[in-house]
PDB file of N, CA and C in Angstrom:
ATOM      1  N   MET A   1      58.142  31.007  17.266  1.00  0.00           N
ATOM      2  CA  MET A   1      59.596  30.704  18.294  1.00  0.00           C
ATOM      3  C   MET A   1      60.021  29.412  17.393  1.00  0.00           C
ATOM      4  N   ARG A   2      60.664  29.382  16.129  1.00  0.00           N
ATOM      5  CA  ARG A   2      61.490  28.117  15.687  1.00  0.00           C
ATOM      6  C   ARG A   2      62.404  27.515  16.710  1.00  0.00           C
ATOM      7  N   PRO A   3      61.766  26.356  15.992  1.00  0.00           N
ATOM      8  CA  PRO A   3      62.773  25.520  16.988  1.00  0.00           C
ATOM      9  C   PRO A   3      64.059  25.260  16.495  1.00  0.00           C
ATOM     10  N   GLU A   4      65.001  25.278  17.536  1.00  0.00           N
ATOM     11  CA  GLU A   4      66.394  25.306  17.423  1.00  0.00           C
ATOM     12  C   GLU A   4      67.218  24.054  16.744  1.00  0.00           C
ATOM     13  N   ARG A   5      67.882  24.205  16.416  1.00  0.00           N
ATOM     14  CA  ARG A   5      68.171  23.510  15.047  1.00  0.00           C
ATOM     15  C   ARG A   5      70.041  23.460  14.965  1.00  0.00           C
ATOM     16  N   THR A   6      70.687  21.634  15.040  1.00  0.00           N
ATOM     17  CA  THR A   6      72.625  21.929  14.990  1.00  0.00           C
ATOM     18  C   THR A   6      72.315  22.391  13.714  1.00  0.00           C
ATOM     19  N   PRO A   7      73.451  23.644  13.373  1.00  0.00           N
ATOM     20  CA  PRO A   7      74.094  24.154  11.873  1.00  0.00           C
ATOM     21  C   PRO A   7      74.511  23.226  11.429  1.00  0.00           C
ATOM     22  N   GLU A   8      74.342  22.997  10.566  1.00  0.00           N
ATOM     23  CA  GLU A   8      74.873  21.679   8.517  1.00  0.00           C
ATOM     24  C   GLU A   8      76.089  22.874   8.746  1.00  0.00           C
ATOM     25  N   PRO A   9      77.700  21.833   9.104  1.00  0.00           N
ATOM     26  CA  PRO A   9      78.386  22.102   8.709  1.00  0.00           C
ATOM     27  C   PRO A   9      78.626  22.213   7.134  1.00  0.00           C
ATOM     28  N   LEU A  10      79.277  23.433   6.572  1.00  0.00           N
ATOM     29  CA  LEU A  10      79.919  23.674   5.418  1.00  0.00           C
ATOM     30  C   LEU A  10      80.576  23.248   4.634  1.00  0.00           C
ATOM     31  N   LEU A  11      80.774  23.554   3.166  1.00  0.00           N
ATOM     32  CA  LEU A  11      81.737  22.549   2.828  1.00  0.00           C
ATOM     33  C   LEU A  11      82.895  24.072   1.558  1.00  0.00           C
ATOM     34  N   THR A  12      83.767  23.557   1.078  1.00  0.00           N
ATOM     35  CA  THR A  12      84.445  24.681   1.016  1.00  0.00           C
ATOM     36  C   THR A  12      84.352  24.589  -0.568  1.00  0.00           C
ATOM     37  N   LEU A  13      84.851  25.346  -1.098  1.00  0.00           N
ATOM     38  CA  LEU A  13      84.588  25.084  -2.668  1.00  0.00           C
ATOM     39  C   LEU A  13      85.585  23.591  -2.929  1.00  0.00           C
ATOM     40  N   GLN A  14      87.377  23.642  -2.849  1.00  0.00           N
ATOM     41  CA  GLN A  14      87.820  22.570  -2.304  1.00  0.00           C
ATOM     42  C   GLN A  14      86.968  21.460  -2.273  1.00  0.00           C
ATOM     43  N   GLU A  15      86.449  21.445  -0.701  1.00  0.00           N
ATOM     44  CA  GLU A  15      86.556  19.946  -0.423  1.00  0.00           C
ATOM     45  C   GLU A  15      84.906  18.982  -0.303  1.00  0.00           C
ATOM     46  N   ALA A  16      83.840  20.591  -1.365  1.00  0.00           N
ATOM     47  CA  ALA A  16      82.618  20.018  -2.287  1.00  0.00           C
ATOM     48  C   ALA A  16      82.752  19.773  -3.737  1.00  0.00           C
ATOM     49  N   ALA A  17      84.526  20.040  -4.025  1.00  0.00           N
ATOM     50  CA  ALA A  17      84.658  19.518  -5.314  1.00  0.00           C
ATOM     51  C   ALA A  17      85.541  17.588  -5.120  1.00  0.00           C
ATOM     52  N   ASP A  18      86.063  18.116  -3.998  1.00  0.00           N
ATOM     53  CA  ASP A  18      86.676  16.748  -3.458  1.00  0.00           C
ATOM     54  C   ASP A  18      85.585  16.077  -3.500  1.00  0.00           C
ATOM     55  N   TYR A  19      84.204  15.604  -2.338  1.00  0.00           N
ATOM     56  CA  TYR A  19      83.490  15.140  -2.153  1.00  0.00           C
ATOM     57  C   TYR A  19      82.843  14.438  -4.129  1.00  0.00           C
ATOM     58  N   LEU A  20      82.508  15.399  -4.877  1.00  0.00           N
ATOM     59  CA  LEU A  20      82.002  15.183  -5.837  1.00  0.00           C
ATOM     60  C   LEU A  20      82.950  14.781  -6.771  1.00  0.00           C
ATOM     61  N   ARG A  21      84.215  14.741  -6.937  1.00  0.00           N
ATOM     62  CA  ARG A  21      85.339  13.700  -7.191  1.00  0.00           C
ATOM     63  C   ARG A  21      85.650  14.457  -9.094  1.00  0.00           C
ATOM     64  N   LEU A  22      86.059  16.409  -8.317  1.00  0.00           N
ATOM     65  CA  LEU A  22      85.585  17.453  -9.715  1.00  0.00           C
ATOM     66  C   LEU A  22      86.756  18.168  -9.038  1.00  0.00           C
ATOM     67  N   THR A  23      87.485  18.403 -10.534  1.00  0.00           N
ATOM     68  CA  THR A  23      88.115  20.325  -9.597  1.00  0.00           C
ATOM     69  C   THR A  23      87.605  21.222  -9.358  1.00  0.00           C
ATOM     70  N   PRO A  24      88.528  21.789  -8.386  1.00  0.00           N
ATOM     71  CA  PRO A  24      87.855  23.000  -8.025  1.00  0.00           C
ATOM     72  C   PRO A  24      87.314  23.897  -9.283  1.00  0.00           C
ATOM     73  N   GLY A  25      88.335  23.994  -9.917  1.00  0.00           N
ATOM     74  CA  GLY A  25      88.178  25.083 -11.107  1.00  0.00           C
ATOM     75  C   GLY A  25      87.084  24.317 -12.352  1.00  0.00           C
ATOM     76  N   ALA A  26      86.571  22.941 -11.975  1.00  0.00           N
ATOM     77  CA  ALA A  26      85.221  22.636 -12.821  1.00  0.00           C
ATOM     78  C   ALA A  26      84.085  23.055 -12.238  1.00  0.00           C
ATOM     79  N   LEU A  27      84.468  22.862 -10.340  1.00  0.00           N
ATOM     80  CA  LEU A  27      82.498  23.178 -10.322  1.00  0.00           C
ATOM     81  C   LEU A  27      82.487  24.202 -10.390  1.00  0.00           C
ATOM     82  N   TYR A  28      84.095  25.591 -10.449  1.00  0.00           N
ATOM     83  CA  TYR A  28      84.049  27.071 -10.242  1.00  0.00           C
ATOM     84  C   TYR A  28      83.132  27.181 -11.433  1.00  0.00           C
ATOM     85  N   THR A  29      83.532  26.678 -12.691  1.00  0.00           N
ATOM     86  CA  THR A  29      82.792  27.176 -13.503  1.00  0.00           C
ATOM     87  C   THR A  29      81.529  26.357 -14.122  1.00  0.00           C
ATOM     88  N   GLN A  30      81.326  25.556 -13.455  1.00  0.00           N
ATOM     89  CA  GLN A  30      80.010  25.508 -13.558  1.00  0.00           C
ATOM     90  C   GLN A  30      79.029  26.411 -13.043  1.00  0.00           C
ATOM     91  N   ARG A  31      79.142  26.473 -11.305  1.00  0.00           N
ATOM     92  CA  ARG A  31      78.971  27.705 -10.890  1.00  0.00           C
ATOM     93  C   ARG A  31      78.612  29.196 -12.126  1.00  0.00           C
ATOM     94  N   CYS A  32      79.590  29.272 -12.464  1.00  0.00           N
ATOM     95  CA  CYS A  32      79.198  30.681 -13.262  1.00  0.00           C
ATOM     96  C   CYS A  32      78.562  30.606 -14.897  1.00  0.00           C
ATOM     97  N   ARG A  33      78.576  28.807 -14.638  1.00  0.00           N
ATOM     98  CA  ARG A  33      77.261  28.995 -16.543  1.00  0.00           C
ATOM     99  C   ARG A  33      75.812  28.918 -15.297  1.00  0.00           C
ATOM    100  N   GLY A  34      75.796  28.948 -13.935  1.00  0.00           N
ATOM    101  CA  GLY A  34      74.893  28.772 -13.957  1.00  0.00           C
ATOM    102  C   GLY A  34      73.809  27.308 -13.693  1.00  0.00           C
ATOM    103  N   GLU A  35      75.314  26.236 -13.378  1.00  0.00           N
ATOM    104  CA  GLU A  35      75.096  24.803 -13.693  1.00  0.00           C
ATOM    105  C   GLU A  35      74.563  24.390 -12.538  1.00  0.00           C
ATOM    106  N   ASP A  36      74.079  23.092 -11.812  1.00  0.00           N
ATOM    107  CA  ASP A  36      74.907  22.000 -11.111  1.00  0.00           C
ATOM    108  C   ASP A  36      75.566  21.023 -11.208  1.00  0.00           C
ATOM    109  N   PRO A  37      76.286  20.891  -9.833  1.00  0.00           N
ATOM    110  CA  PRO A  37      76.480  21.010  -8.767  1.00  0.00           C
ATOM    111  C   PRO A  37      76.747  22.170  -7.994  1.00  0.00           C
ATOM    112  N   GLY A  38      77.660  23.308  -9.343  1.00  0.00           N
ATOM    113  CA  GLY A  38      78.186  24.468  -9.010  1.00  0.00           C
ATOM    114  C   GLY A  38      77.143  25.587  -8.733  1.00  0.00           C
ATOM    115  N   SER A  39      76.068  25.447  -9.247  1.00  0.00           N
ATOM    116  CA  SER A  39      74.861  26.626  -8.731  1.00  0.00           C
ATOM    117  C   SER A  39      74.482  25.990  -7.246  1.00  0.00           C
ATOM    118  N   LEU A  40      74.512  25.881  -6.732  1.00  0.00           N
ATOM    119  CA  LEU A  40      74.197  25.418  -5.557  1.00  0.00           C
ATOM    120  C   LEU A  40      75.036  26.037  -4.106  1.00  0.00           C
ATOM    121  N   GLY A  41      76.222  26.067  -4.837  1.00  0.00           N
ATOM    122  CA  GLY A  41      77.111  27.138  -3.979  1.00  0.00           C
ATOM    123  C   GLY A  41      76.921  28.160  -3.022  1.00  0.00           C
ATOM    124  N   ILE A  42      76.981  28.981  -2.152  1.00  0.00           N
ATOM    125  CA  ILE A  42      76.459  29.672  -1.563  1.00  0.00           C
ATOM    126  C   ILE A  42      77.280  30.850  -1.182  1.00  0.00           C
ATOM    127  N   ARG A  43      77.568  32.208  -2.169  1.00  0.00           N
ATOM    128  CA  ARG A  43      78.635  33.220  -1.235  1.00  0.00           C
ATOM    129  C   ARG A  43      78.626  33.676  -0.312  1.00  0.00           C
ATOM    130  N   VAL A  44      79.784  33.533   0.781  1.00  0.00           N
ATOM    131  CA  VAL A  44      79.920  34.073   2.248  1.00  0.00           C
ATOM    132  C   VAL A  44      81.192  35.026   2.483  1.00  0.00           C
ATOM    133  N   GLY A  45      81.129  36.237   2.032  1.00  0.00           N
ATOM    134  CA  GLY A  45      82.097  37.091   1.869  1.00  0.00           C
ATOM    135  C   GLY A  45      82.867  36.599   0.670  1.00  0.00           C
ATOM    136  N   LYS A  46      84.308  36.451   0.688  1.00  0.00           N
ATOM    137  CA  LYS A  46      84.908  35.620  -0.474  1.00  0.00           C
ATOM    138  C   LYS A  46      84.300  34.480  -1.122  1.00  0.00           C
ATOM    139  N   LYS A  47      84.414  33.873  -0.079  1.00  0.00           N
ATOM    140  CA  LYS A  47      84.091  32.401   0.068  1.00  0.00           C
ATOM    141  C   LYS A  47      82.914  31.799  -0.765  1.00  0.00           C
ATOM    142  N   ILE A  48      83.289  30.330  -1.314  1.00  0.00           N
ATOM    143  CA  ILE A  48      81.530  29.978  -1.626  1.00  0.00           C
ATOM    144  C   ILE A  48      82.295  28.983  -0.647  1.00  0.00           C
ATOM    145  N   LEU A  49      80.486  28.394  -0.714  1.00  0.00           N
ATOM    146  CA  LEU A  49      80.441  27.247   0.523  1.00  0.00           C
ATOM    147  C   LEU A  49      79.356  26.341   0.076  1.00  0.00           C
ATOM    148  N   TYR A  50      78.852  25.229   0.270  1.00  0.00           N
ATOM    149  CA  TYR A  50      78.323  24.121  -0.337  1.00  0.00           C
ATOM    150  C   TYR A  50      77.198  23.432   1.188  1.00  0.00           C
ATOM    151  N   ARG A  51      76.597  23.853   0.850  1.00  0.00           N
ATOM    152  CA  ARG A  51      76.072  22.716   2.176  1.00  0.00           C
ATOM    153  C   ARG A  51      75.482  21.067   1.784  1.00  0.00           C
ATOM    154  N   PRO A  52      76.132  20.447   2.443  1.00  0.00           N
ATOM    155  CA  PRO A  52      75.870  19.023   2.433  1.00  0.00           C
ATOM    156  C   PRO A  52      74.940  18.554   1.505  1.00  0.00           C
ATOM    157  N   THR A  53      73.405  18.520   2.545  1.00  0.00           N
ATOM    158  CA  THR A  53      72.154  17.955   2.129  1.00  0.00           C
ATOM    159  C   THR A  53      71.788  18.882   0.141  1.00  0.00           C
ATOM    160  N   ASP A  54      72.292  19.444   0.027  1.00  0.00           N
ATOM    161  CA  ASP A  54      72.179  20.304  -1.769  1.00  0.00           C
ATOM    162  C   ASP A  54      72.712  19.136  -2.294  1.00  0.00           C
ATOM    163  N   ILE A  55      74.502  18.781  -2.062  1.00  0.00           N
ATOM    164  CA  ILE A  55      74.690  18.091  -3.012  1.00  0.00           C
ATOM    165  C   ILE A  55      74.520  16.825  -2.884  1.00  0.00           C
ATOM    166  N   GLU A  56      73.745  15.726  -1.822  1.00  0.00           N
ATOM    167  CA  GLU A  56      73.512  14.879  -2.031  1.00  0.00           C
ATOM    168  C   GLU A  56      72.114  14.989  -2.702  1.00  0.00           C
ATOM    169  N   ARG A  57      70.946  15.974  -2.869  1.00  0.00           N
ATOM    170  CA  ARG A  57      70.008  15.798  -3.044  1.00  0.00           C
ATOM    171  C   ARG A  57      69.932  16.155  -4.554  1.00  0.00           C
ATOM    172  N   PHE A  58      70.870  16.825  -5.356  1.00  0.00           N
ATOM    173  CA  PHE A  58      71.120  16.972  -6.442  1.00  0.00           C
ATOM    174  C   PHE A  58      71.314  15.601  -7.102  1.00  0.00           C
ATOM    175  N   LEU A  59      72.014  14.903  -6.230  1.00  0.00           N
ATOM    176  CA  LEU A  59      73.101  13.493  -6.679  1.00  0.00           C
ATOM    177  C   LEU A  59      71.877  12.501  -6.848  1.00  0.00           C
ATOM    178  N   ASP A  60      71.103  12.736  -5.603  1.00  0.00           N
ATOM    179  CA  ASP A  60      69.765  11.814  -6.136  1.00  0.00           C
ATOM    180  C   ASP A  60      69.095  12.557  -6.851  1.00  0.00           C
ATOM    181  N   GLU A  61      68.264  13.303  -6.984  1.00  0.00           N
ATOM    182  CA  GLU A  61      68.264  13.798  -8.305  1.00  0.00           C
ATOM    183  C   GLU A  61      68.293  13.232  -9.933  1.00  0.00           C
ATOM    184  N   ARG A  62      69.878  13.142  -9.372  1.00  0.00           N
ATOM    185  CA  ARG A  62      70.764  12.444 -10.696  1.00  0.00           C
ATOM    186  C   ARG A  62      69.893  11.817 -11.377  1.00  0.00           C
ATOM    187  N   LEU A  63      70.629  10.689  -9.981  1.00  0.00           N
ATOM    188  CA  LEU A  63      70.232   8.841 -10.369  1.00  0.00           C
ATOM    189  C   LEU A  63      68.797   8.712 -10.297  1.00  0.00           C
ATOM    190  N   ALA A  64      67.652   9.609  -9.553  1.00  0.00           N
ATOM    191  CA  ALA A  64      66.426   9.637 -10.015  1.00  0.00           C
ATOM    192  C   ALA A  64      65.778   9.576 -11.724  1.00  0.00           C
ATOM    193  N   GLU A  65      66.807  10.278 -12.318  1.00  0.00           N
ATOM    194  CA  GLU A  65      66.563  10.838 -14.078  1.00  0.00           C
ATOM    195  C   GLU A  65      67.620  10.016 -14.906  1.00  0.00           C
ATOM    196  N   GLY A  66      67.608   8.757 -13.950  1.00  0.00           N
ATOM    197  CA  GLY A  66      68.858   7.761 -14.610  1.00  0.00           C
ATOM    198  C   GLY A  66      69.801   7.850 -14.520  1.00  0.00           C
ATOM    199  N   ALA A  67      70.344   8.745 -14.469  1.00  0.00           N
ATOM    200  CA  ALA A  67      71.959   8.550 -14.104  1.00  0.00           C
ATOM    201  C   ALA A  67      72.271   7.217 -13.375  1.00  0.00           C
ATOM    202  N   HIS A  68      72.595   6.704 -14.069  1.00  0.00           N
ATOM    203  CA  HIS A  68      73.726   5.025 -13.379  1.00  0.00           C
ATOM    204  C   HIS A  68      74.786   6.024 -12.812  1.00  0.00           C
ATOM    205  N   PRO A  69      75.487   4.837 -11.288  1.00  0.00           N
ATOM    206  CA  PRO A  69      76.061   5.850 -10.316  1.00  0.00           C
ATOM    207  C   PRO A  69      77.375   4.960 -11.347  1.00  0.00           C
ATOM    208  N   THR A  70      77.636   4.199 -11.917  1.00  0.00           N
ATOM    209  CA  THR A  70      78.562   3.668 -12.699  1.00  0.00           C
ATOM    210  C   THR A  70      78.968   3.646 -13.970  1.00  0.00           C
ATOM    211  N   ARG A  71      77.913   4.268 -14.863  1.00  0.00           N
ATOM    212  CA  ARG A  71      78.208   4.496 -15.735  1.00  0.00           C
ATOM    213  C   ARG A  71      79.093   5.775 -16.638  1.00  0.00           C
ATOM    214  N   HIS A  72      80.013   5.165 -17.244  1.00  0.00           N
ATOM    215  CA  HIS A  72      80.850   6.587 -17.478  1.00  0.00           C
ATOM    216  C   HIS A  72      80.049   6.517 -19.608  1.00  0.00           C
ATOM    217  N   ARG A  73      80.099   7.694 -19.710  1.00  0.00           N
ATOM    218  CA  ARG A  73      80.012   8.220 -20.949  1.00  0.00           C
ATOM    219  C   ARG A  73      81.512   8.912 -21.508  1.00  0.00           C
TER     220      ARG A  73
END
């Protein structure tokens, strides 16, 4: 028997883009190209939804790779 867990709320494409400070179009383009963080989305019917923990993990990995949170290119 699996332990019960509270389902994680899912973010819409717009909410995920807002969280990442991207445009929804940029996030969708990344998804179509198979690039993260856009590719982290899950298609549910006609919607693309994102788990906040997947986005946080992506950001943590970027920081671990040496991306600086305030560095601009």
